[in-house]
C-alpha atoms as a PDB file:
ATOM      1  CA  MET A   1       4.146  52.267 -53.846  1.00  0.00           C
ATOM      2  CA  SER A   2       5.801  50.265 -56.989  1.00  0.00           C
ATOM      3  CA  ASP A   3       9.210  48.432 -56.221  1.00  0.00           C
ATOM      4  CA  SER A   4      11.673  50.497 -57.773  1.00  0.00           C
ATOM      5  CA  PRO A   5      11.330  54.403 -58.017  1.00  0.00           C
ATOM      6  CA  ALA A   6       8.292  55.701 -60.197  1.00  0.00           C
ATOM      7  CA  THR A   7      10.787  58.440 -61.994  1.00  0.00           C
ATOM      8  CA  ALA A   8      14.197  57.574 -63.470  1.00  0.00           C
ATOM      9  CA  PRO A   9      16.930  59.938 -64.650  1.00  0.00           C
ATOM     10  CA  PRO A  10      16.339  61.488 -68.155  1.00  0.00           C
ATOM     11  CA  SER A  11      18.644  59.896 -71.083  1.00  0.00           C
ATOM     12  CA  ALA A  12      18.199  63.259 -72.842  1.00  0.00           C
ATOM     13  CA  SER A  13      22.157  64.892 -73.409  1.00  0.00           C
ATOM     14  CA  ALA A  14      23.472  61.428 -71.637  1.00  0.00           C
ATOM     15  CA  PRO A  15      25.522  59.719 -73.689  1.00  0.00           C
ATOM     16  CA  SER A  16      27.506  56.805 -72.267  1.00  0.00           C
ATOM     17  CA  THR A  17      30.875  56.977 -72.329  1.00  0.00           C
ATOM     18  CA  SER A  18      32.936  54.460 -74.336  1.00  0.00           C
ATOM     19  CA  VAL A  19      35.084  51.573 -73.125  1.00  0.00           C
ATOM     20  CA  ALA A  20      36.640  52.344 -76.651  1.00  0.00           C
ATOM     21  CA  ALA A  21      37.547  55.879 -75.398  1.00  0.00           C
ATOM     22  CA  ALA A  22      41.431  57.437 -75.487  1.00  0.00           C
ATOM     23  CA  SER A  23      43.390  56.301 -72.721  1.00  0.00           C
ATOM     24  CA  VAL A  24      43.997  59.150 -69.876  1.00  0.00           C
ATOM     25  CA  ALA A  25      47.373  60.131 -68.770  1.00  0.00           C
ATOM     26  CA  ALA A  26      47.934  57.636 -65.795  1.00  0.00           C
ATOM     27  CA  PRO A  27      48.558  59.890 -62.350  1.00  0.00           C
ATOM     28  CA  ALA A  28      51.917  59.303 -60.453  1.00  0.00           C
ATOM     29  CA  SER A  29      49.742  57.864 -57.928  1.00  0.00           C
ATOM     30  CA  PRO A  30      48.058  54.370 -57.513  1.00  0.00           C
ATOM     31  CA  GLN A  31      45.631  55.851 -55.627  1.00  0.00           C
ATOM     32  CA  ALA A  32      44.390  59.101 -58.041  1.00  0.00           C
ATOM     33  CA  LEU A  33      43.769  55.876 -60.362  1.00  0.00           C
ATOM     34  CA  LEU A  34      41.260  54.834 -58.478  1.00  0.00           C
ATOM     35  CA  ASP A  35      39.499  58.359 -58.859  1.00  0.00           C
ATOM     36  CA  PRO A  36      36.662  57.033 -61.044  1.00  0.00           C
ATOM     37  CA  ALA A  37      36.284  59.860 -63.652  1.00  0.00           C
ATOM     38  CA  THR A  38      39.959  58.428 -64.243  1.00  0.00           C
ATOM     39  CA  LEU A  39      39.500  54.911 -63.793  1.00  0.00           C
ATOM     40  CA  HIS A  40      36.729  54.450 -66.248  1.00  0.00           C
ATOM     41  CA  GLY A  41      38.581  56.710 -68.717  1.00  0.00           C
ATOM     42  CA  ILE A  42      41.032  54.109 -69.459  1.00  0.00           C
ATOM     43  CA  ALA A  43      40.608  52.886 -72.414  1.00  0.00           C
ATOM     44  CA  SER A  44      41.882  49.151 -71.391  1.00  0.00           C
ATOM     45  CA  LEU A  45      39.527  47.379 -69.613  1.00  0.00           C
ATOM     46  CA  ASP A  46      42.000  44.923 -68.383  1.00  0.00           C
ATOM     47  CA  LEU A  47      43.970  47.740 -67.271  1.00  0.00           C
ATOM     48  CA  ARG A  48      41.150  48.897 -65.486  1.00  0.00           C
ATOM     49  CA  ALA A  49      40.352  45.818 -63.946  1.00  0.00           C
ATOM     50  CA  ARG A  50      44.336  45.102 -62.714  1.00  0.00           C
ATOM     51  CA  ILE A  51      44.233  48.197 -61.252  1.00  0.00           C
ATOM     52  CA  VAL A  52      40.975  47.203 -59.215  1.00  0.00           C
ATOM     53  CA  ALA A  53      42.359  43.920 -58.569  1.00  0.00           C
ATOM     54  CA  ASP A  54      46.025  45.248 -57.249  1.00  0.00           C
ATOM     55  CA  ALA A  55      44.281  47.767 -54.510  1.00  0.00           C
ATOM     56  CA  LEU A  56      41.769  45.123 -53.496  1.00  0.00           C
ATOM     57  CA  PHE A  57      45.499  42.401 -52.844  1.00  0.00           C
ATOM     58  CA  ALA A  58      47.388  45.590 -51.677  1.00  0.00           C
ATOM     59  CA  GLY A  59      44.642  46.364 -48.896  1.00  0.00           C
ATOM     60  CA  GLY A  60      45.176  42.535 -47.458  1.00  0.00           C
ATOM     61  CA  HIS A  61      41.916  40.913 -48.593  1.00  0.00           C
ATOM     62  CA  ARG A  62      42.046  37.239 -48.484  1.00  0.00           C
ATOM     63  CA  SER A  63      43.593  35.080 -51.503  1.00  0.00           C
ATOM     64  CA  ARG A  64      43.856  31.438 -51.574  1.00  0.00           C
ATOM     65  CA  ARG A  65      45.839  29.779 -53.442  1.00  0.00           C
ATOM     66  CA  PHE A  66      46.114  26.379 -54.586  1.00  0.00           C
ATOM     67  CA  GLY A  67      48.153  23.765 -56.672  1.00  0.00           C
ATOM     68  CA  SER A  68      47.612  22.084 -59.965  1.00  0.00           C
ATOM     69  CA  SER A  69      45.046  19.566 -60.827  1.00  0.00           C
ATOM     70  CA  THR A  70      47.437  16.757 -59.313  1.00  0.00           C
ATOM     71  CA  GLU A  71      48.177  18.739 -55.869  1.00  0.00           C
ATOM     72  CA  PHE A  72      47.284  18.037 -52.770  1.00  0.00           C
ATOM     73  CA  ALA A  73      45.110  21.432 -52.188  1.00  0.00           C
ATOM     74  CA  GLU A  74      43.629  21.164 -48.489  1.00  0.00           C
ATOM     75  CA  HIS A  75      41.787  18.337 -46.037  1.00  0.00           C
ATOM     76  CA  LYS A  76      38.653  18.121 -45.180  1.00  0.00           C
ATOM     77  CA  VAL A  77      36.345  16.406 -42.579  1.00  0.00           C
ATOM     78  CA  TYR A  78      34.898  12.863 -44.282  1.00  0.00           C
ATOM     79  CA  THR A  79      31.415  13.032 -45.283  1.00  0.00           C
ATOM     80  CA  PRO A  80      29.506   9.791 -46.551  1.00  0.00           C
ATOM     81  CA  GLY A  81      29.666   9.336 -49.865  1.00  0.00           C
ATOM     82  CA  ASP A  82      33.126  10.974 -50.251  1.00  0.00           C
ATOM     83  CA  ASP A  83      35.961   8.283 -51.929  1.00  0.00           C
ATOM     84  CA  LEU A  84      37.145   6.394 -49.339  1.00  0.00           C
ATOM     85  CA  ARG A  85      40.572   6.350 -51.682  1.00  0.00           C
ATOM     86  CA  ARG A  86      40.640   9.356 -50.583  1.00  0.00           C
ATOM     87  CA  LEU A  87      41.239   9.136 -46.852  1.00  0.00           C
ATOM     88  CA  ASP A  88      44.004  10.417 -45.004  1.00  0.00           C
ATOM     89  CA  TRP A  89      45.126   7.618 -42.687  1.00  0.00           C
ATOM     90  CA  ARG A  90      48.173   9.574 -41.141  1.00  0.00           C
ATOM     91  CA  VAL A  91      46.294  12.364 -40.362  1.00  0.00           C
ATOM     92  CA  MET A  92      43.311   9.977 -38.978  1.00  0.00           C
ATOM     93  CA  GLY A  93      46.013   8.272 -36.565  1.00  0.00           C
ATOM     94  CA  ARG A  94      47.170  11.752 -34.893  1.00  0.00           C
ATOM     95  CA  LEU A  95      43.535  13.531 -34.726  1.00  0.00           C
ATOM     96  CA  ASP A  96      41.367  10.478 -34.279  1.00  0.00           C
ATOM     97  CA  LYS A  97      38.990  11.630 -37.092  1.00  0.00           C
ATOM     98  CA  SER A  98      38.477  10.800 -40.056  1.00  0.00           C
ATOM     99  CA  TYR A  99      39.516  13.170 -43.061  1.00  0.00           C
ATOM    100  CA  VAL A 100      40.051  12.864 -47.009  1.00  0.00           C
ATOM    101  CA  ARG A 101      42.396  14.531 -49.449  1.00  0.00           C
ATOM    102  CA  ARG A 102      41.401  17.375 -51.830  1.00  0.00           C
ATOM    103  CA  THR A 103      42.886  18.193 -54.745  1.00  0.00           C
ATOM    104  CA  GLU A 104      42.865  21.957 -56.734  1.00  0.00           C
ATOM    105  CA  ASP A 105      40.059  20.486 -59.080  1.00  0.00           C
ATOM    106  CA  GLU A 106      38.238  20.320 -56.621  1.00  0.00           C
ATOM    107  CA  THR A 107      38.623  22.829 -54.472  1.00  0.00           C
ATOM    108  CA  ARG A 108      38.201  25.286 -57.514  1.00  0.00           C
ATOM    109  CA  THR A 109      35.754  27.439 -57.384  1.00  0.00           C
ATOM    110  CA  ASP A 110      33.263  28.349 -60.675  1.00  0.00           C
ATOM    111  CA  VAL A 111      32.764  32.148 -60.366  1.00  0.00           C
ATOM    112  CA  VAL A 112      30.080  32.924 -62.925  1.00  0.00           C
ATOM    113  CA  ILE A 113      29.401  36.938 -63.024  1.00  0.00           C
ATOM    114  CA  VAL A 114      25.923  37.755 -64.396  1.00  0.00           C
ATOM    115  CA  VAL A 115      25.772  41.106 -66.132  1.00  0.00           C
ATOM    116  CA  ASP A 116      23.049  43.405 -66.869  1.00  0.00           C
ATOM    117  CA  THR A 117      23.341  44.945 -70.464  1.00  0.00           C
ATOM    118  CA  SER A 118      19.314  46.419 -70.199  1.00  0.00           C
ATOM    119  CA  GLY A 119      18.674  49.889 -71.131  1.00  0.00           C
ATOM    120  CA  SER A 120      19.159  51.376 -67.999  1.00  0.00           C
ATOM    121  CA  MET A 121      22.659  50.527 -67.752  1.00  0.00           C
ATOM    122  CA  ALA A 122      23.168  52.870 -70.186  1.00  0.00           C
ATOM    123  CA  TYR A 123      22.389  55.941 -68.097  1.00  0.00           C
ATOM    124  CA  ALA A 124      25.480  58.148 -68.159  1.00  0.00           C
ATOM    125  CA  GLY A 125      24.647  61.622 -65.749  1.00  0.00           C
ATOM    126  CA  GLY A 126      22.282  64.839 -67.293  1.00  0.00           C
ATOM    127  CA  ALA A 127      21.625  66.804 -64.193  1.00  0.00           C
ATOM    128  CA  ARG A 128      23.071  70.197 -65.007  1.00  0.00           C
ATOM    129  CA  GLY A 129      24.195  68.857 -68.210  1.00  0.00           C
ATOM    130  CA  LYS A 130      26.977  66.486 -67.008  1.00  0.00           C
ATOM    131  CA  ALA A 131      27.336  63.458 -68.561  1.00  0.00           C
ATOM    132  CA  THR A 132      29.751  61.073 -66.550  1.00  0.00           C
ATOM    133  CA  HIS A 133      30.754  57.781 -67.042  1.00  0.00           C
ATOM    134  CA  SER A 134      27.747  54.824 -67.807  1.00  0.00           C
ATOM    135  CA  LYS A 135      26.349  52.438 -65.207  1.00  0.00           C
ATOM    136  CA  LEU A 136      27.445  49.386 -68.111  1.00  0.00           C
ATOM    137  CA  ASP A 137      31.098  51.200 -67.598  1.00  0.00           C
ATOM    138  CA  VAL A 138      31.000  50.481 -64.036  1.00  0.00           C
ATOM    139  CA  ALA A 139      29.658  47.574 -64.349  1.00  0.00           C
ATOM    140  CA  ARG A 140      32.115  46.155 -67.149  1.00  0.00           C
ATOM    141  CA  THR A 141      34.757  47.401 -64.876  1.00  0.00           C
ATOM    142  CA  LEU A 142      33.781  45.147 -61.576  1.00  0.00           C
ATOM    143  CA  ALA A 143      32.823  41.983 -63.667  1.00  0.00           C
ATOM    144  CA  ALA A 144      36.773  42.353 -65.386  1.00  0.00           C
ATOM    145  CA  ALA A 145      38.240  42.848 -62.045  1.00  0.00           C
ATOM    146  CA  THR A 146      36.093  40.091 -60.357  1.00  0.00           C
ATOM    147  CA  ALA A 147      36.977  37.490 -63.040  1.00  0.00           C
ATOM    148  CA  THR A 148      41.021  38.696 -62.673  1.00  0.00           C
ATOM    149  CA  ILE A 149      40.651  38.240 -58.678  1.00  0.00           C
ATOM    150  CA  ALA A 150      39.054  34.628 -59.424  1.00  0.00           C
ATOM    151  CA  LEU A 151      41.934  33.528 -62.393  1.00  0.00           C
ATOM    152  CA  HIS A 152      44.650  35.048 -59.172  1.00  0.00           C
ATOM    153  CA  GLN A 153      43.080  32.723 -56.401  1.00  0.00           C
ATOM    154  CA  GLN A 154      43.061  29.562 -59.277  1.00  0.00           C
ATOM    155  CA  ASP A 155      39.542  29.796 -59.522  1.00  0.00           C
ATOM    156  CA  ALA A 156      37.247  29.518 -62.720  1.00  0.00           C
ATOM    157  CA  PRO A 157      35.840  32.386 -63.866  1.00  0.00           C
ATOM    158  CA  GLY A 158      32.630  32.794 -66.655  1.00  0.00           C
ATOM    159  CA  VAL A 159      29.946  35.490 -67.528  1.00  0.00           C
ATOM    160  CA  SER A 160      26.163  35.704 -68.690  1.00  0.00           C
ATOM    161  CA  LEU A 161      25.018  38.927 -70.303  1.00  0.00           C
ATOM    162  CA  PHE A 162      21.184  39.620 -70.063  1.00  0.00           C
ATOM    163  CA  ALA A 163      18.761  42.088 -71.081  1.00  0.00           C
ATOM    164  CA  GLY A 164      15.734  41.369 -72.446  1.00  0.00           C
ATOM    165  CA  HIS A 165      17.012  37.604 -72.675  1.00  0.00           C
ATOM    166  CA  GLU A 166      20.625  35.853 -71.604  1.00  0.00           C
ATOM    167  CA  HIS A 167      22.571  37.172 -75.590  1.00  0.00           C
ATOM    168  CA  ALA A 168      26.226  35.755 -74.360  1.00  0.00           C
ATOM    169  CA  THR A 169      27.938  33.460 -72.210  1.00  0.00           C
ATOM    170  CA  LEU A 170      31.478  32.279 -71.562  1.00  0.00           C
ATOM    171  CA  PRO A 171      31.553  28.766 -68.717  1.00  0.00           C
ATOM    172  CA  PRO A 172      33.685  28.964 -66.134  1.00  0.00           C
ATOM    173  CA  ARG A 173      37.177  28.272 -67.054  1.00  0.00           C
ATOM    174  CA  GLY A 174      40.836  28.528 -64.830  1.00  0.00           C
ATOM    175  CA  ARG A 175      42.338  29.345 -68.456  1.00  0.00           C
ATOM    176  CA  THR A 176      45.306  31.777 -69.286  1.00  0.00           C
ATOM    177  CA  ASP A 177      42.756  33.616 -72.295  1.00  0.00           C
ATOM    178  CA  THR A 178      39.669  33.708 -70.230  1.00  0.00           C
ATOM    179  CA  LEU A 179      40.375  36.958 -69.037  1.00  0.00           C
ATOM    180  CA  ALA A 180      40.626  38.292 -72.790  1.00  0.00           C
ATOM    181  CA  GLN A 181      37.187  36.316 -73.937  1.00  0.00           C
ATOM    182  CA  LEU A 182      35.439  37.601 -70.837  1.00  0.00           C
ATOM    183  CA  GLY A 183      36.982  41.025 -71.656  1.00  0.00           C
ATOM    184  CA  ASP A 184      35.657  41.197 -75.315  1.00  0.00           C
ATOM    185  CA  LEU A 185      32.187  39.937 -74.990  1.00  0.00           C
ATOM    186  CA  LEU A 186      31.825  43.106 -71.896  1.00  0.00           C
ATOM    187  CA  VAL A 187      33.702  45.516 -74.466  1.00  0.00           C
ATOM    188  CA  HIS A 188      31.072  44.558 -77.341  1.00  0.00           C
ATOM    189  CA  ALA A 189      27.839  44.862 -74.793  1.00  0.00           C
ATOM    190  CA  GLU A 190      25.709  47.408 -75.783  1.00  0.00           C
ATOM    191  CA  ALA A 191      23.160  48.622 -73.249  1.00  0.00           C
ATOM    192  CA  LYS A 192      19.420  48.657 -74.752  1.00  0.00           C
ATOM    193  CA  GLY A 193      16.003  46.555 -74.271  1.00  0.00           C
ATOM    194  CA  THR A 194      14.431  45.473 -70.975  1.00  0.00           C
ATOM    195  CA  SER A 195      15.054  43.345 -68.122  1.00  0.00           C
ATOM    196  CA  ALA A 196      14.806  39.644 -68.006  1.00  0.00           C
ATOM    197  CA  LEU A 197      17.156  39.571 -64.657  1.00  0.00           C
ATOM    198  CA  ALA A 198      14.808  36.736 -62.776  1.00  0.00           C
ATOM    199  CA  SER A 199      14.762  34.012 -66.191  1.00  0.00           C
ATOM    200  CA  THR A 200      18.354  34.811 -66.319  1.00  0.00           C
ATOM    201  CA  LEU A 201      19.274  33.549 -62.990  1.00  0.00           C
ATOM    202  CA  ASP A 202      17.110  30.726 -63.112  1.00  0.00           C
ATOM    203  CA  ALA A 203      19.383  29.814 -66.855  1.00  0.00           C
ATOM    204  CA  VAL A 204      22.564  30.637 -64.576  1.00  0.00           C
ATOM    205  CA  THR A 205      21.851  28.261 -61.805  1.00  0.00           C
ATOM    206  CA  GLY A 206      20.072  25.810 -63.516  1.00  0.00           C
ATOM    207  CA  ARG A 207      23.460  25.285 -65.657  1.00  0.00           C
ATOM    208  CA  LEU A 208      25.790  24.429 -62.498  1.00  0.00           C
ATOM    209  CA  ARG A 209      26.429  21.434 -61.370  1.00  0.00           C
ATOM    210  CA  LYS A 210      28.719  21.884 -58.298  1.00  0.00           C
ATOM    211  CA  LYS A 211      28.875  24.742 -55.310  1.00  0.00           C
ATOM    212  CA  ALA A 212      29.480  27.900 -57.046  1.00  0.00           C
ATOM    213  CA  VAL A 213      29.849  31.843 -56.622  1.00  0.00           C
ATOM    214  CA  VAL A 214      27.339  33.781 -58.774  1.00  0.00           C
ATOM    215  CA  VAL A 215      27.943  37.574 -58.708  1.00  0.00           C
ATOM    216  CA  VAL A 216      24.695  39.263 -60.336  1.00  0.00           C
ATOM    217  CA  ILE A 217      26.135  43.085 -61.334  1.00  0.00           C
ATOM    218  CA  THR A 218      23.001  45.207 -62.099  1.00  0.00           C
ATOM    219  CA  ASP A 219      20.870  48.315 -61.262  1.00  0.00           C
ATOM    220  CA  LEU A 220      17.902  46.016 -60.509  1.00  0.00           C
ATOM    221  CA  ILE A 221      15.915  48.977 -62.272  1.00  0.00           C
ATOM    222  CA  ASP A 222      12.764  47.488 -63.597  1.00  0.00           C
ATOM    223  CA  ALA A 223      13.950  43.425 -62.174  1.00  0.00           C
ATOM    224  CA  GLY A 224      12.778  44.787 -58.563  1.00  0.00           C
ATOM    225  CA  PRO A 225      14.277  42.791 -55.887  1.00  0.00           C
ATOM    226  CA  GLU A 226      12.116  39.770 -56.513  1.00  0.00           C
ATOM    227  CA  ALA A 227      13.744  38.825 -59.526  1.00  0.00           C
ATOM    228  CA  LEU A 228      16.545  37.434 -57.006  1.00  0.00           C
ATOM    229  CA  SER A 229      14.832  35.110 -55.439  1.00  0.00           C
ATOM    230  CA  ALA A 230      16.240  32.243 -57.722  1.00  0.00           C
ATOM    231  CA  LEU A 231      19.644  32.991 -55.667  1.00  0.00           C
ATOM    232  CA  SER A 232      17.943  31.542 -52.422  1.00  0.00           C
ATOM    233  CA  VAL A 233      18.094  28.373 -54.724  1.00  0.00           C
ATOM    234  CA  LEU A 234      21.979  28.477 -55.309  1.00  0.00           C
ATOM    235  CA  ARG A 235      22.322  29.073 -51.417  1.00  0.00           C
ATOM    236  CA  ARG A 236      20.933  26.274 -50.582  1.00  0.00           C
ATOM    237  CA  ARG A 237      23.272  24.298 -52.637  1.00  0.00           C
ATOM    238  CA  GLY A 238      25.555  24.782 -50.350  1.00  0.00           C
ATOM    239  CA  GLY A 239      26.869  28.058 -53.126  1.00  0.00           C
ATOM    240  CA  GLU A 240      27.346  31.825 -52.661  1.00  0.00           C
ATOM    241  CA  ALA A 241      25.617  34.865 -54.040  1.00  0.00           C
ATOM    242  CA  ILE A 242      26.603  38.190 -54.435  1.00  0.00           C
ATOM    243  CA  VAL A 243      24.747  41.004 -55.744  1.00  0.00           C
ATOM    244  CA  LEU A 244      26.453  44.238 -56.334  1.00  0.00           C
ATOM    245  CA  GLN A 245      23.595  47.003 -57.721  1.00  0.00           C
ATOM    246  CA  VAL A 246      25.041  49.725 -59.434  1.00  0.00           C
ATOM    247  CA  LEU A 247      23.033  53.105 -59.684  1.00  0.00           C
ATOM    248  CA  HIS A 248      24.274  56.664 -61.220  1.00  0.00           C
ATOM    249  CA  ASP A 249      24.681  59.659 -58.579  1.00  0.00           C
ATOM    250  CA  ASP A 250      22.036  61.421 -60.285  1.00  0.00           C
ATOM    251  CA  GLU A 251      19.565  58.498 -59.049  1.00  0.00           C
ATOM    252  CA  LEU A 252      20.637  58.149 -56.051  1.00  0.00           C
ATOM    253  CA  ASP A 253      20.933  62.338 -55.158  1.00  0.00           C
ATOM    254  CA  PHE A 254      18.320  63.548 -57.957  1.00  0.00           C
ATOM    255  CA  PRO A 255      20.166  66.706 -58.415  1.00  0.00           C
ATOM    256  CA  PHE A 256      17.814  68.190 -61.122  1.00  0.00           C
ATOM    257  CA  ASP A 257      16.342  71.843 -61.007  1.00  0.00           C
ATOM    258  CA  GLY A 258      13.624  73.197 -63.085  1.00  0.00           C
ATOM    259  CA  VAL A 259      10.966  71.238 -65.015  1.00  0.00           C
ATOM    260  CA  VAL A 260      12.816  67.843 -66.584  1.00  0.00           C
ATOM    261  CA  LYS A 261      11.281  65.583 -69.018  1.00  0.00           C
ATOM    262  CA  PHE A 262      12.394  62.150 -67.977  1.00  0.00           C
ATOM    263  CA  GLU A 263      12.320  59.178 -70.456  1.00  0.00           C
ATOM    264  CA  ASP A 264      12.488  55.434 -69.624  1.00  0.00           C
ATOM    265  CA  LEU A 265      15.637  53.952 -70.945  1.00  0.00           C
ATOM    266  CA  GLU A 266      13.981  50.340 -71.293  1.00  0.00           C
ATOM    267  CA  GLY A 267      10.781  51.176 -72.487  1.00  0.00           C
ATOM    268  CA  ASP A 268       8.453  53.913 -74.352  1.00  0.00           C
ATOM    269  CA  ARG A 269       7.482  56.359 -71.611  1.00  0.00           C
ATOM    270  CA  GLU A 270       7.994  59.877 -70.689  1.00  0.00           C
ATOM    271  CA  VAL A 271       7.136  62.046 -67.718  1.00  0.00           C
ATOM    272  CA  GLN A 272       7.154  66.152 -67.095  1.00  0.00           C
ATOM    273  CA  VAL A 273       8.122  67.262 -63.883  1.00  0.00           C
ATOM    274  CA  ASP A 274       9.137  70.383 -61.446  1.00  0.00           C
ATOM    275  CA  ALA A 275      12.258  68.696 -60.073  1.00  0.00           C
ATOM    276  CA  PRO A 276      12.326  70.321 -56.552  1.00  0.00           C
ATOM    277  CA  LEU A 277       8.642  69.471 -56.322  1.00  0.00           C
ATOM    278  CA  VAL A 278       9.134  65.854 -56.907  1.00  0.00           C
ATOM    279  CA  ARG A 279      12.325  65.357 -55.200  1.00  0.00           C
ATOM    280  CA  LYS A 280      11.516  64.190 -51.656  1.00  0.00           C
ATOM    281  CA  ALA A 281       9.023  61.811 -53.027  1.00  0.00           C
ATOM    282  CA  TYR A 282      11.422  60.379 -55.426  1.00  0.00           C
ATOM    283  CA  LEU A 283      14.132  59.724 -52.593  1.00  0.00           C
ATOM    284  CA  ASP A 284      11.688  58.445 -50.406  1.00  0.00           C
ATOM    285  CA  GLU A 285      10.388  55.976 -52.608  1.00  0.00           C
ATOM    286  CA  LEU A 286      14.291  55.547 -53.897  1.00  0.00           C
ATOM    287  CA  ALA A 287      14.894  54.357 -49.749  1.00  0.00           C
ATOM    288  CA  ALA A 288      12.189  52.160 -49.677  1.00  0.00           C
ATOM    289  CA  PHE A 289      13.490  50.299 -53.291  1.00  0.00           C
ATOM    290  CA  LEU A 290      17.195  50.127 -51.705  1.00  0.00           C
ATOM    291  CA  ARG A 291      15.536  48.433 -48.844  1.00  0.00           C
ATOM    292  CA  ALA A 292      13.957  46.257 -50.632  1.00  0.00           C
ATOM    293  CA  CYS A 293      17.131  45.461 -52.703  1.00  0.00           C
ATOM    294  CA  GLU A 294      19.390  44.623 -49.831  1.00  0.00           C
ATOM    295  CA  GLY A 295      16.523  42.406 -48.071  1.00  0.00           C
ATOM    296  CA  ALA A 296      16.052  40.409 -50.727  1.00  0.00           C
ATOM    297  CA  CYS A 297      19.818  39.754 -50.615  1.00  0.00           C
ATOM    298  CA  THR A 298      19.144  38.925 -47.196  1.00  0.00           C
ATOM    299  CA  ALA A 299      16.119  36.545 -47.599  1.00  0.00           C
ATOM    300  CA  SER A 300      18.048  34.968 -50.419  1.00  0.00           C
ATOM    301  CA  ASP A 301      21.378  35.091 -48.128  1.00  0.00           C
ATOM    302  CA  ALA A 302      23.156  36.667 -50.892  1.00  0.00           C
ATOM    303  CA  ARG A 303      25.727  39.341 -50.007  1.00  0.00           C
ATOM    304  CA  TYR A 304      24.882  42.693 -51.279  1.00  0.00           C
ATOM    305  CA  ALA A 305      26.852  45.969 -52.164  1.00  0.00           C
ATOM    306  CA  LEU A 306      25.460  49.284 -53.647  1.00  0.00           C
ATOM    307  CA  VAL A 307      27.982  50.523 -55.988  1.00  0.00           C
ATOM    308  CA  ARG A 308      27.475  54.724 -57.120  1.00  0.00           C
ATOM    309  CA  THR A 309      29.128  55.349 -60.484  1.00  0.00           C
ATOM    310  CA  GLY A 310      30.966  58.394 -58.978  1.00  0.00           C
ATOM    311  CA  GLU A 311      33.034  56.788 -56.393  1.00  0.00           C
ATOM    312  CA  SER A 312      35.454  53.985 -56.117  1.00  0.00           C
ATOM    313  CA  VAL A 313      34.454  50.736 -56.930  1.00  0.00           C
ATOM    314  CA  VAL A 314      37.407  49.095 -54.476  1.00  0.00           C
ATOM    315  CA  GLY A 315      34.910  49.518 -51.045  1.00  0.00           C
ATOM    316  CA  PRO A 316      32.156  47.992 -52.563  1.00  0.00           C
ATOM    317  CA  LEU A 317      33.726  45.153 -54.036  1.00  0.00           C
ATOM    318  CA  ALA A 318      35.832  44.710 -50.991  1.00  0.00           C
ATOM    319  CA  ILE A 319      32.712  44.447 -48.808  1.00  0.00           C
ATOM    320  CA  ALA A 320      31.123  41.714 -51.601  1.00  0.00           C
ATOM    321  CA  LEU A 321      33.704  39.340 -52.196  1.00  0.00           C
ATOM    322  CA  ASP A 322      36.113  39.640 -49.020  1.00  0.00           C
ATOM    323  CA  GLY A 323      35.966  35.994 -47.805  1.00  0.00           C
ATOM    324  CA  ALA A 324      33.140  34.967 -50.487  1.00  0.00           C
ATOM    325  CA  GLN A 325      33.217  30.991 -50.852  1.00  0.00           C
ATOM    326  CA  PRO A 326      30.792  28.541 -51.045  1.00  0.00           C
ATOM    327  CA  SER A 327      29.889  27.589 -48.005  1.00  0.00           C
ATOM    328  CA  ALA A 328      30.291  23.556 -47.058  1.00  0.00           C
ATOM    329  CA  GLY A 329      26.552  22.427 -46.534  1.00  0.00           C
ATOM    330  CA  GLY A 330      24.085  25.188 -47.203  1.00  0.00           C
ATOM    331  CA  ARG A 331      23.061  28.254 -45.944  1.00  0.00           C
ATOM    332  CA  ARG A 332      25.380  29.432 -42.894  1.00  0.00           C
END
């Protein structure tokens, strides 16, 4: 059995929804804005990100704030190698234990968002002639919302876009113009080509010089769960790894009828099948694929959440991001 489902939903009659599509009228209820069809129909990626971030904050999910780089942020227990000039003698006198003072610069976390822009991310539906928003549309929203949350927490978001290779990067920055730059890269990204997730993660983790959070947004199709092995290196360094696997409802439910032609969005393969006859075999293989993906995350000590394009992104994002932060000393 292969690592990913042998068949993929057809690309015919399934164009991806443009991020530049006309804005929809805002419903009166904030909750209504989170409906996937409404949310991903909003032209402004920044607005979509803020809607999702506001929903997470309203739900009481953790948000730590630090002061400026010259202000005190927190204490930490002294460990060999810490600057002795940072020892807080008053705290040591009260608690009879050595503590050092840390500033915002030392506690600020780099958050690198790795986004899959390979061809399979273009899939936007097609079962029964119904097209929706693409997996890349959802990935854009997830990435922009994650960056918005990171900046709100005084952390430094950056991005890496990849397909056949890493083709666009923005180093982690805590500046006010970061969201605009990151959003520009996301909006202009096109889903095409093959997936080089493994080499991209090697490049990303190789550039990190301190503990960081790496958020991977991908469908894992073709790349396979084994591509996530590089994340274990990040965890051994004390960083945090998060994987958001984005799959279309068609891919998860296989709601096709009759004879259907399936096209490989990352290659030139085509296959024509009787959908009802292969549905059970497809769903069985899909279930094994998803178990392997989640298992690979567990093996690398990475957080994992499955994101369905037809459901709100808030729930999976909350599960993945709530409390995420670099660990104090490697694996937990």
